[in-house]
Amino acid sequence: MASPHTTPGPNRYNRCPTMIRPELLSRLCHARDLLRDWEEEPLSVSAVSRASGLTRFHFIRVFKALFGETPHQYRLRAQIEKAKHLLILTDFSVTDICMAVGFSSLGSFSTLFRRRVGVSPSEFQRRHRHESARQRQLPASLIPGCLSLMAGISDKEQFSRRHALEEPDTV
């Protein structure tokens, strides 16, 4: 009898690639949380893959298939999102935020931020800080629609919140 590794059978190649075991899904979600929620030095992809019990290359391949981006791309996006929140909600300087989100170079942080967001960190801070100055919360214009739906905020409420922030009170 031939080995399943040398003789491809119908089950070997006809498996649905979108099916994933619940246990593997759990490990990958935990890995995603590790990549996003670091507090000190960012973990390497190799360290996260070891924590997931997968080889580095298999981890990267399965992570991308499940989440649509590589672990490195995900970590960079999470760092930029965290920086956006800090730029709006704190009084920290751009340099302090750069270091707080795990970058060691202000230049590389600013370049990546501009490439991903479309404006420099300081310009982003100037544009959005006034919208959130009173409430110290993210302006409605930066809250994704899917989160608004989950929180029960209607389109009408979100529209009125946006326009209330854009139009100053006149008496």
N, C-alpha and C. Protein backbone atom coordinates (compact mmCIF):
# COMPACT_ATOMS: atom_id res chain seq x y z
N MET A 1 0.84 -1.18 0.00
CA MET A 1 0.00 0.00 0.00
C MET A 1 0.88 1.24 0.00
N ALA A 2 0.58 2.17 -0.84
CA ALA A 2 1.39 3.38 -1.00
C ALA A 2 1.13 4.35 0.15
N SER A 3 2.14 5.10 0.47
CA SER A 3 2.04 6.11 1.53
C SER A 3 1.15 7.27 1.06
N PRO A 4 0.36 7.85 1.97
CA PRO A 4 -0.50 8.98 1.56
C PRO A 4 0.32 10.19 1.13
N HIS A 5 1.59 10.21 1.51
CA HIS A 5 2.43 11.35 1.14
C HIS A 5 2.94 11.24 -0.29
N THR A 6 2.98 10.02 -0.83
CA THR A 6 3.50 9.84 -2.19
C THR A 6 2.40 9.63 -3.21
N THR A 7 1.26 9.13 -2.76
CA THR A 7 0.15 8.90 -3.68
C THR A 7 -0.99 9.83 -3.32
N PRO A 8 -1.17 10.86 -4.12
CA PRO A 8 -2.25 11.79 -3.79
C PRO A 8 -3.61 11.13 -3.99
N GLY A 9 -4.39 11.13 -2.95
CA GLY A 9 -5.74 10.61 -3.03
C GLY A 9 -6.72 11.76 -3.13
N PRO A 10 -7.98 11.46 -3.30
CA PRO A 10 -8.98 12.54 -3.44
C PRO A 10 -9.07 13.41 -2.19
N ASN A 11 -8.85 12.84 -1.02
CA ASN A 11 -8.96 13.64 0.21
C ASN A 11 -7.79 14.59 0.41
N ARG A 12 -6.65 14.26 -0.19
CA ARG A 12 -5.47 15.08 0.05
C ARG A 12 -5.58 16.44 -0.64
N TYR A 13 -6.08 16.51 -1.86
CA TYR A 13 -6.10 17.76 -2.61
C TYR A 13 -7.48 18.39 -2.71
N ASN A 14 -8.51 17.68 -2.35
CA ASN A 14 -9.85 18.22 -2.50
C ASN A 14 -10.41 18.78 -1.20
N ARG A 15 -9.54 18.96 -0.23
CA ARG A 15 -10.02 19.55 1.03
C ARG A 15 -10.35 21.01 0.81
N CYS A 16 -11.34 21.46 1.50
CA CYS A 16 -11.74 22.86 1.40
C CYS A 16 -10.73 23.71 2.18
N PRO A 17 -10.03 24.64 1.54
CA PRO A 17 -9.02 25.42 2.24
C PRO A 17 -9.62 26.40 3.25
N THR A 18 -10.89 26.65 3.17
CA THR A 18 -11.50 27.59 4.11
C THR A 18 -11.89 26.93 5.41
N MET A 19 -11.85 25.60 5.47
CA MET A 19 -12.19 24.90 6.70
C MET A 19 -10.99 24.92 7.63
N ILE A 20 -11.24 25.23 8.88
CA ILE A 20 -10.16 25.29 9.85
C ILE A 20 -10.67 24.68 11.15
N ARG A 21 -9.83 23.91 11.77
CA ARG A 21 -10.22 23.26 13.02
C ARG A 21 -10.40 24.33 14.11
N PRO A 22 -11.38 24.19 14.97
CA PRO A 22 -11.61 25.18 16.04
C PRO A 22 -10.38 25.40 16.93
N GLU A 23 -9.65 24.34 17.19
CA GLU A 23 -8.45 24.46 18.03
C GLU A 23 -7.39 25.31 17.36
N LEU A 24 -7.21 25.15 16.04
CA LEU A 24 -6.24 25.96 15.30
C LEU A 24 -6.72 27.41 15.22
N LEU A 25 -8.00 27.60 15.00
CA LEU A 25 -8.57 28.95 14.98
C LEU A 25 -8.32 29.66 16.30
N SER A 26 -8.50 28.96 17.39
CA SER A 26 -8.26 29.54 18.71
C SER A 26 -6.80 29.95 18.88
N ARG A 27 -5.88 29.07 18.44
CA ARG A 27 -4.46 29.40 18.55
C ARG A 27 -4.09 30.59 17.68
N LEU A 28 -4.68 30.69 16.49
CA LEU A 28 -4.39 31.82 15.61
C LEU A 28 -4.98 33.13 16.15
N CYS A 29 -6.15 33.06 16.74
CA CYS A 29 -6.73 34.26 17.35
C CYS A 29 -5.89 34.72 18.54
N HIS A 30 -5.39 33.76 19.31
CA HIS A 30 -4.50 34.11 20.42
C HIS A 30 -3.21 34.75 19.90
N ALA A 31 -2.68 34.22 18.81
CA ALA A 31 -1.47 34.79 18.20
C ALA A 31 -1.74 36.21 17.72
N ARG A 32 -2.89 36.43 17.11
CA ARG A 32 -3.26 37.78 16.66
C ARG A 32 -3.33 38.74 17.85
N ASP A 33 -3.89 38.27 18.96
CA ASP A 33 -3.95 39.10 20.17
C ASP A 33 -2.55 39.41 20.70
N LEU A 34 -1.65 38.43 20.65
CA LEU A 34 -0.27 38.67 21.08
C LEU A 34 0.40 39.74 20.22
N LEU A 35 0.18 39.66 18.92
CA LEU A 35 0.78 40.64 18.01
C LEU A 35 0.23 42.04 18.26
N ARG A 36 -1.03 42.14 18.61
CA ARG A 36 -1.68 43.43 18.80
C ARG A 36 -1.43 44.02 20.18
N ASP A 37 -1.41 43.18 21.21
CA ASP A 37 -1.45 43.68 22.58
C ASP A 37 -0.12 43.63 23.32
N TRP A 38 0.99 43.71 22.61
CA TRP A 38 2.26 43.70 23.31
C TRP A 38 2.36 44.95 24.17
N GLU A 39 3.10 44.86 25.26
CA GLU A 39 3.28 46.03 26.13
C GLU A 39 4.72 46.51 26.13
N GLU A 40 5.64 45.60 25.95
CA GLU A 40 7.04 46.00 25.98
C GLU A 40 7.59 45.93 24.56
N GLU A 41 8.61 45.15 24.36
CA GLU A 41 9.20 44.99 23.04
C GLU A 41 8.28 44.13 22.19
N PRO A 42 8.06 44.50 20.92
CA PRO A 42 7.21 43.66 20.07
C PRO A 42 7.80 42.25 19.92
N LEU A 43 6.93 41.27 19.96
CA LEU A 43 7.36 39.88 19.78
C LEU A 43 7.70 39.64 18.32
N SER A 44 8.67 38.79 18.08
CA SER A 44 8.99 38.43 16.70
C SER A 44 7.92 37.46 16.19
N VAL A 45 7.79 37.42 14.88
CA VAL A 45 6.84 36.49 14.27
C VAL A 45 7.23 35.06 14.61
N SER A 46 8.53 34.79 14.68
CA SER A 46 8.99 33.44 15.05
C SER A 46 8.55 33.06 16.46
N ALA A 47 8.65 34.01 17.39
CA ALA A 47 8.23 33.73 18.77
C ALA A 47 6.72 33.49 18.85
N VAL A 48 5.95 34.25 18.11
CA VAL A 48 4.49 34.08 18.12
C VAL A 48 4.12 32.75 17.46
N SER A 49 4.82 32.40 16.39
CA SER A 49 4.51 31.12 15.74
C SER A 49 4.84 29.95 16.66
N ARG A 50 5.97 30.05 17.39
CA ARG A 50 6.31 29.00 18.36
C ARG A 50 5.23 28.90 19.44
N ALA A 51 4.76 30.05 19.92
CA ALA A 51 3.70 30.06 20.95
C ALA A 51 2.41 29.44 20.41
N SER A 52 2.23 29.50 19.09
CA SER A 52 1.04 28.91 18.47
C SER A 52 1.22 27.44 18.16
N GLY A 53 2.44 26.94 18.30
CA GLY A 53 2.70 25.54 18.02
C GLY A 53 2.81 25.23 16.55
N LEU A 54 3.16 26.23 15.74
CA LEU A 54 3.27 26.04 14.29
C LEU A 54 4.67 26.47 13.84
N THR A 55 5.10 25.93 12.71
CA THR A 55 6.36 26.41 12.15
C THR A 55 6.12 27.84 11.66
N ARG A 56 7.20 28.59 11.55
CA ARG A 56 7.09 29.99 11.16
C ARG A 56 6.38 30.15 9.81
N PHE A 57 6.79 29.36 8.82
CA PHE A 57 6.23 29.50 7.48
C PHE A 57 4.78 29.05 7.41
N HIS A 58 4.44 27.96 8.11
CA HIS A 58 3.05 27.52 8.13
C HIS A 58 2.18 28.55 8.86
N PHE A 59 2.71 29.10 9.95
CA PHE A 59 1.99 30.13 10.70
C PHE A 59 1.68 31.33 9.81
N ILE A 60 2.68 31.82 9.09
CA ILE A 60 2.48 32.99 8.22
C ILE A 60 1.44 32.68 7.15
N ARG A 61 1.54 31.50 6.54
CA ARG A 61 0.62 31.10 5.47
C ARG A 61 -0.82 30.99 5.98
N VAL A 62 -1.02 30.32 7.12
CA VAL A 62 -2.37 30.13 7.65
C VAL A 62 -2.92 31.45 8.20
N PHE A 63 -2.09 32.26 8.85
CA PHE A 63 -2.51 33.56 9.36
C PHE A 63 -3.03 34.43 8.22
N LYS A 64 -2.27 34.49 7.13
CA LYS A 64 -2.69 35.31 5.99
C LYS A 64 -3.97 34.79 5.36
N ALA A 65 -4.09 33.47 5.26
CA ALA A 65 -5.31 32.89 4.69
C ALA A 65 -6.53 33.21 5.55
N LEU A 66 -6.35 33.25 6.86
CA LEU A 66 -7.47 33.49 7.76
C LEU A 66 -7.79 34.97 7.92
N PHE A 67 -6.77 35.80 8.10
CA PHE A 67 -6.99 37.21 8.42
C PHE A 67 -6.76 38.16 7.26
N GLY A 68 -6.26 37.66 6.13
CA GLY A 68 -6.11 38.50 4.95
C GLY A 68 -4.84 39.33 4.88
N GLU A 69 -3.96 39.18 5.85
CA GLU A 69 -2.68 39.88 5.85
C GLU A 69 -1.68 39.08 6.66
N THR A 70 -0.40 39.30 6.40
CA THR A 70 0.62 38.56 7.13
C THR A 70 0.69 39.05 8.57
N PRO A 71 1.30 38.28 9.46
CA PRO A 71 1.43 38.74 10.85
C PRO A 71 2.16 40.08 10.95
N HIS A 72 3.18 40.27 10.14
CA HIS A 72 3.92 41.54 10.16
C HIS A 72 3.04 42.70 9.71
N GLN A 73 2.27 42.51 8.64
CA GLN A 73 1.35 43.55 8.17
C GLN A 73 0.30 43.85 9.25
N TYR A 74 -0.20 42.80 9.89
CA TYR A 74 -1.19 43.00 10.94
C TYR A 74 -0.61 43.81 12.10
N ARG A 75 0.62 43.47 12.52
CA ARG A 75 1.24 44.18 13.63
C ARG A 75 1.44 45.65 13.28
N LEU A 76 1.90 45.94 12.06
CA LEU A 76 2.08 47.33 11.65
C LEU A 76 0.76 48.09 11.65
N ARG A 77 -0.30 47.45 11.16
CA ARG A 77 -1.61 48.10 11.15
C ARG A 77 -2.09 48.36 12.57
N ALA A 78 -1.86 47.41 13.47
CA ALA A 78 -2.26 47.59 14.87
C ALA A 78 -1.48 48.73 15.51
N GLN A 79 -0.19 48.84 15.18
CA GLN A 79 0.62 49.92 15.73
C GLN A 79 0.12 51.27 15.23
N ILE A 80 -0.23 51.36 13.96
CA ILE A 80 -0.73 52.62 13.40
C ILE A 80 -2.08 52.97 14.03
N GLU A 81 -2.95 51.98 14.21
CA GLU A 81 -4.26 52.24 14.84
C GLU A 81 -4.09 52.73 16.27
N LYS A 82 -3.17 52.11 17.01
CA LYS A 82 -2.91 52.54 18.38
C LYS A 82 -2.36 53.95 18.38
N ALA A 83 -1.47 54.26 17.44
CA ALA A 83 -0.90 55.60 17.34
C ALA A 83 -2.00 56.62 17.03
N LYS A 84 -2.93 56.28 16.15
CA LYS A 84 -4.03 57.20 15.83
C LYS A 84 -4.84 57.53 17.07
N HIS A 85 -5.14 56.51 17.88
CA HIS A 85 -5.88 56.74 19.11
C HIS A 85 -5.10 57.65 20.05
N LEU A 86 -3.82 57.37 20.23
CA LEU A 86 -3.01 58.17 21.14
C LEU A 86 -2.85 59.60 20.64
N LEU A 87 -2.73 59.79 19.34
CA LEU A 87 -2.60 61.14 18.78
C LEU A 87 -3.84 61.98 19.07
N ILE A 88 -4.98 61.34 19.07
CA ILE A 88 -6.23 62.07 19.29
C ILE A 88 -6.55 62.22 20.77
N LEU A 89 -6.35 61.16 21.54
CA LEU A 89 -6.86 61.13 22.91
C LEU A 89 -5.87 61.54 23.99
N THR A 90 -4.61 61.74 23.65
CA THR A 90 -3.62 62.12 24.66
C THR A 90 -2.94 63.42 24.27
N ASP A 91 -2.17 63.93 25.18
CA ASP A 91 -1.38 65.13 24.91
C ASP A 91 0.07 64.79 24.62
N PHE A 92 0.37 63.53 24.32
CA PHE A 92 1.74 63.11 24.04
C PHE A 92 2.23 63.70 22.73
N SER A 93 3.54 63.90 22.64
CA SER A 93 4.13 64.37 21.39
C SER A 93 4.18 63.20 20.40
N VAL A 94 4.39 63.53 19.14
CA VAL A 94 4.49 62.50 18.10
C VAL A 94 5.65 61.56 18.41
N THR A 95 6.76 62.11 18.91
CA THR A 95 7.92 61.28 19.25
C THR A 95 7.58 60.30 20.38
N ASP A 96 6.89 60.79 21.41
CA ASP A 96 6.50 59.91 22.52
C ASP A 96 5.56 58.80 22.04
N ILE A 97 4.65 59.13 21.16
CA ILE A 97 3.71 58.14 20.63
C ILE A 97 4.44 57.14 19.75
N CYS A 98 5.38 57.62 18.97
CA CYS A 98 6.20 56.74 18.13
C CYS A 98 6.85 55.67 18.99
N MET A 99 7.45 56.07 20.08
CA MET A 99 8.12 55.12 20.97
C MET A 99 7.12 54.24 21.71
N ALA A 100 5.98 54.81 22.09
CA ALA A 100 4.97 54.07 22.85
C ALA A 100 4.35 52.92 22.05
N VAL A 101 4.27 53.08 20.74
CA VAL A 101 3.66 52.03 19.93
C VAL A 101 4.67 51.04 19.37
N GLY A 102 5.96 51.21 19.74
CA GLY A 102 6.94 50.19 19.40
C GLY A 102 7.90 50.52 18.29
N PHE A 103 7.91 51.75 17.80
CA PHE A 103 8.88 52.13 16.78
C PHE A 103 10.10 52.72 17.47
N SER A 104 11.27 52.53 16.87
CA SER A 104 12.48 53.11 17.45
C SER A 104 12.98 54.29 16.63
N SER A 105 12.38 54.52 15.47
CA SER A 105 12.78 55.62 14.61
C SER A 105 11.58 56.49 14.26
N LEU A 106 11.68 57.77 14.58
CA LEU A 106 10.60 58.70 14.27
C LEU A 106 10.40 58.80 12.76
N GLY A 107 11.50 58.76 12.01
CA GLY A 107 11.41 58.85 10.56
C GLY A 107 10.65 57.69 9.94
N SER A 108 10.96 56.48 10.36
CA SER A 108 10.26 55.32 9.79
C SER A 108 8.80 55.29 10.24
N PHE A 109 8.54 55.71 11.48
CA PHE A 109 7.15 55.79 11.96
C PHE A 109 6.36 56.80 11.13
N SER A 110 6.92 58.00 10.95
CA SER A 110 6.21 59.05 10.20
C SER A 110 5.98 58.65 8.75
N THR A 111 6.97 58.01 8.14
CA THR A 111 6.83 57.57 6.75
C THR A 111 5.74 56.51 6.62
N LEU A 112 5.75 55.52 7.50
CA LEU A 112 4.73 54.48 7.46
C LEU A 112 3.35 55.06 7.76
N PHE A 113 3.27 55.95 8.74
CA PHE A 113 1.99 56.57 9.10
C PHE A 113 1.43 57.33 7.90
N ARG A 114 2.26 58.13 7.25
CA ARG A 114 1.81 58.90 6.09
C ARG A 114 1.37 57.98 4.96
N ARG A 115 2.11 56.89 4.73
CA ARG A 115 1.76 55.95 3.67
C ARG A 115 0.43 55.27 3.96
N ARG A 116 0.18 54.91 5.22
CA ARG A 116 -1.03 54.16 5.57
C ARG A 116 -2.25 55.06 5.76
N VAL A 117 -2.04 56.26 6.34
CA VAL A 117 -3.16 57.12 6.72
C VAL A 117 -3.39 58.24 5.70
N GLY A 118 -2.32 58.64 5.01
CA GLY A 118 -2.47 59.68 4.00
C GLY A 118 -1.98 61.05 4.44
N VAL A 119 -1.72 61.21 5.72
CA VAL A 119 -1.18 62.47 6.25
C VAL A 119 -0.14 62.14 7.31
N SER A 120 0.68 63.12 7.65
CA SER A 120 1.69 62.91 8.68
C SER A 120 1.02 62.78 10.05
N PRO A 121 1.71 62.21 11.04
CA PRO A 121 1.12 62.10 12.38
C PRO A 121 0.73 63.44 12.97
N SER A 122 1.57 64.46 12.79
CA SER A 122 1.24 65.77 13.37
C SER A 122 0.04 66.40 12.67
N GLU A 123 -0.07 66.22 11.35
CA GLU A 123 -1.24 66.74 10.63
C GLU A 123 -2.51 65.99 11.06
N PHE A 124 -2.40 64.68 11.21
CA PHE A 124 -3.54 63.89 11.69
C PHE A 124 -4.00 64.39 13.05
N GLN A 125 -3.03 64.66 13.93
CA GLN A 125 -3.34 65.14 15.27
C GLN A 125 -4.04 66.50 15.20
N ARG A 126 -3.54 67.40 14.38
CA ARG A 126 -4.16 68.73 14.24
C ARG A 126 -5.59 68.62 13.70
N ARG A 127 -5.79 67.78 12.71
CA ARG A 127 -7.12 67.65 12.09
C ARG A 127 -8.17 67.08 13.04
N HIS A 128 -7.77 66.11 13.85
CA HIS A 128 -8.77 65.37 14.62
C HIS A 128 -8.82 65.71 16.10
N ARG A 129 -7.82 66.36 16.61
CA ARG A 129 -7.81 66.63 18.05
C ARG A 129 -8.95 67.56 18.43
N HIS A 130 -9.23 68.60 17.64
CA HIS A 130 -10.30 69.55 17.99
C HIS A 130 -11.66 68.87 18.05
N GLU A 131 -11.86 67.81 17.24
CA GLU A 131 -13.14 67.10 17.23
C GLU A 131 -13.38 66.35 18.54
N SER A 132 -12.30 65.94 19.20
CA SER A 132 -12.45 65.11 20.39
C SER A 132 -12.04 65.83 21.67
N ALA A 133 -11.71 67.12 21.56
CA ALA A 133 -11.18 67.84 22.72
C ALA A 133 -12.15 67.85 23.90
N ARG A 134 -13.42 68.05 23.61
CA ARG A 134 -14.39 68.14 24.71
C ARG A 134 -14.67 66.79 25.37
N GLN A 135 -14.87 65.76 24.56
CA GLN A 135 -15.29 64.48 25.12
C GLN A 135 -14.14 63.54 25.44
N ARG A 136 -12.96 63.77 24.91
CA ARG A 136 -11.82 62.85 25.03
C ARG A 136 -12.20 61.44 24.59
N GLN A 137 -12.87 61.39 23.46
CA GLN A 137 -13.18 60.12 22.82
C GLN A 137 -13.01 60.30 21.32
N LEU A 138 -12.92 59.19 20.63
CA LEU A 138 -12.73 59.28 19.19
C LEU A 138 -13.91 59.98 18.55
N PRO A 139 -13.65 60.85 17.57
CA PRO A 139 -14.75 61.49 16.86
C PRO A 139 -15.54 60.44 16.07
N ALA A 140 -16.81 60.69 15.90
CA ALA A 140 -17.69 59.74 15.21
C ALA A 140 -17.21 59.46 13.79
N SER A 141 -16.55 60.42 13.16
CA SER A 141 -16.09 60.22 11.79
C SER A 141 -14.99 59.18 11.70
N LEU A 142 -14.34 58.83 12.82
CA LEU A 142 -13.28 57.83 12.81
C LEU A 142 -13.72 56.48 13.35
N ILE A 143 -14.98 56.35 13.71
CA ILE A 143 -15.49 55.07 14.21
C ILE A 143 -16.06 54.30 13.03
N PRO A 144 -15.53 53.11 12.76
CA PRO A 144 -16.03 52.33 11.62
C PRO A 144 -17.52 52.03 11.75
N GLY A 145 -18.19 52.03 10.62
CA GLY A 145 -19.63 51.79 10.61
C GLY A 145 -20.03 50.47 11.24
N CYS A 146 -19.20 49.42 11.06
CA CYS A 146 -19.55 48.12 11.63
C CYS A 146 -19.56 48.19 13.16
N LEU A 147 -18.67 48.97 13.76
CA LEU A 147 -18.67 49.11 15.22
C LEU A 147 -19.86 49.93 15.68
N SER A 148 -20.25 50.91 14.89
CA SER A 148 -21.44 51.69 15.23
C SER A 148 -22.67 50.80 15.24
N LEU A 149 -22.74 49.89 14.27
CA LEU A 149 -23.87 48.95 14.23
C LEU A 149 -23.87 48.05 15.45
N MET A 150 -22.68 47.56 15.83
CA MET A 150 -22.58 46.66 16.98
C MET A 150 -22.94 47.39 18.26
N ALA A 151 -22.63 48.68 18.33
CA ALA A 151 -22.91 49.45 19.54
C ALA A 151 -24.34 49.98 19.55
N GLY A 152 -25.06 49.78 18.45
CA GLY A 152 -26.44 50.22 18.39
C GLY A 152 -26.59 51.69 18.04
N ILE A 153 -25.57 52.29 17.45
CA ILE A 153 -25.67 53.68 17.03
C ILE A 153 -26.23 53.68 15.62
N SER A 154 -27.34 54.35 15.43
CA SER A 154 -27.97 54.36 14.12
C SER A 154 -27.22 55.29 13.17
N ASP A 155 -27.49 55.13 11.88
CA ASP A 155 -26.87 56.02 10.88
C ASP A 155 -27.27 57.47 11.13
N LYS A 156 -28.50 57.67 11.54
CA LYS A 156 -28.99 59.03 11.79
C LYS A 156 -28.23 59.66 12.95
N GLU A 157 -28.03 58.87 14.04
CA GLU A 157 -27.27 59.37 15.19
C GLU A 157 -25.85 59.69 14.80
N GLN A 158 -25.22 58.79 14.05
CA GLN A 158 -23.83 59.00 13.65
C GLN A 158 -23.73 60.22 12.75
N PHE A 159 -24.68 60.41 11.84
CA PHE A 159 -24.70 61.57 10.96
C PHE A 159 -24.84 62.84 11.77
N SER A 160 -25.75 62.84 12.75
CA SER A 160 -25.94 64.06 13.55
C SER A 160 -24.73 64.33 14.43
N ARG A 161 -24.06 63.28 14.91
CA ARG A 161 -22.83 63.48 15.70
C ARG A 161 -21.74 64.12 14.85
N ARG A 162 -21.60 63.62 13.63
CA ARG A 162 -20.57 64.17 12.74
C ARG A 162 -20.84 65.64 12.45
N HIS A 163 -22.09 65.98 12.14
CA HIS A 163 -22.40 67.36 11.79
C HIS A 163 -22.39 68.28 13.00
N ALA A 164 -22.67 67.75 14.16
CA ALA A 164 -22.59 68.56 15.37
C ALA A 164 -21.14 68.95 15.65
N LEU A 165 -20.21 68.08 15.32
CA LEU A 165 -18.79 68.38 15.51
C LEU A 165 -18.26 69.33 14.45
N GLU A 166 -18.83 69.25 13.23
CA GLU A 166 -18.34 70.08 12.13
C GLU A 166 -18.91 71.49 12.17
N GLU A 167 -20.10 71.65 12.70
CA GLU A 167 -20.75 72.97 12.71
C GLU A 167 -20.66 73.57 14.10
N PRO A 168 -19.98 74.70 14.27
CA PRO A 168 -19.90 75.33 15.59
C PRO A 168 -21.26 75.90 15.99
N ASP A 169 -21.48 75.96 17.29
CA ASP A 169 -22.72 76.51 17.80
C ASP A 169 -22.81 77.99 17.48
N THR A 170 -23.94 78.41 16.93
CA THR A 170 -24.15 79.83 16.66
C THR A 170 -25.38 80.28 17.39
N VAL A 171 -25.33 81.47 17.91
CA VAL A 171 -26.45 81.99 18.69
C VAL A 171 -27.02 83.22 18.02
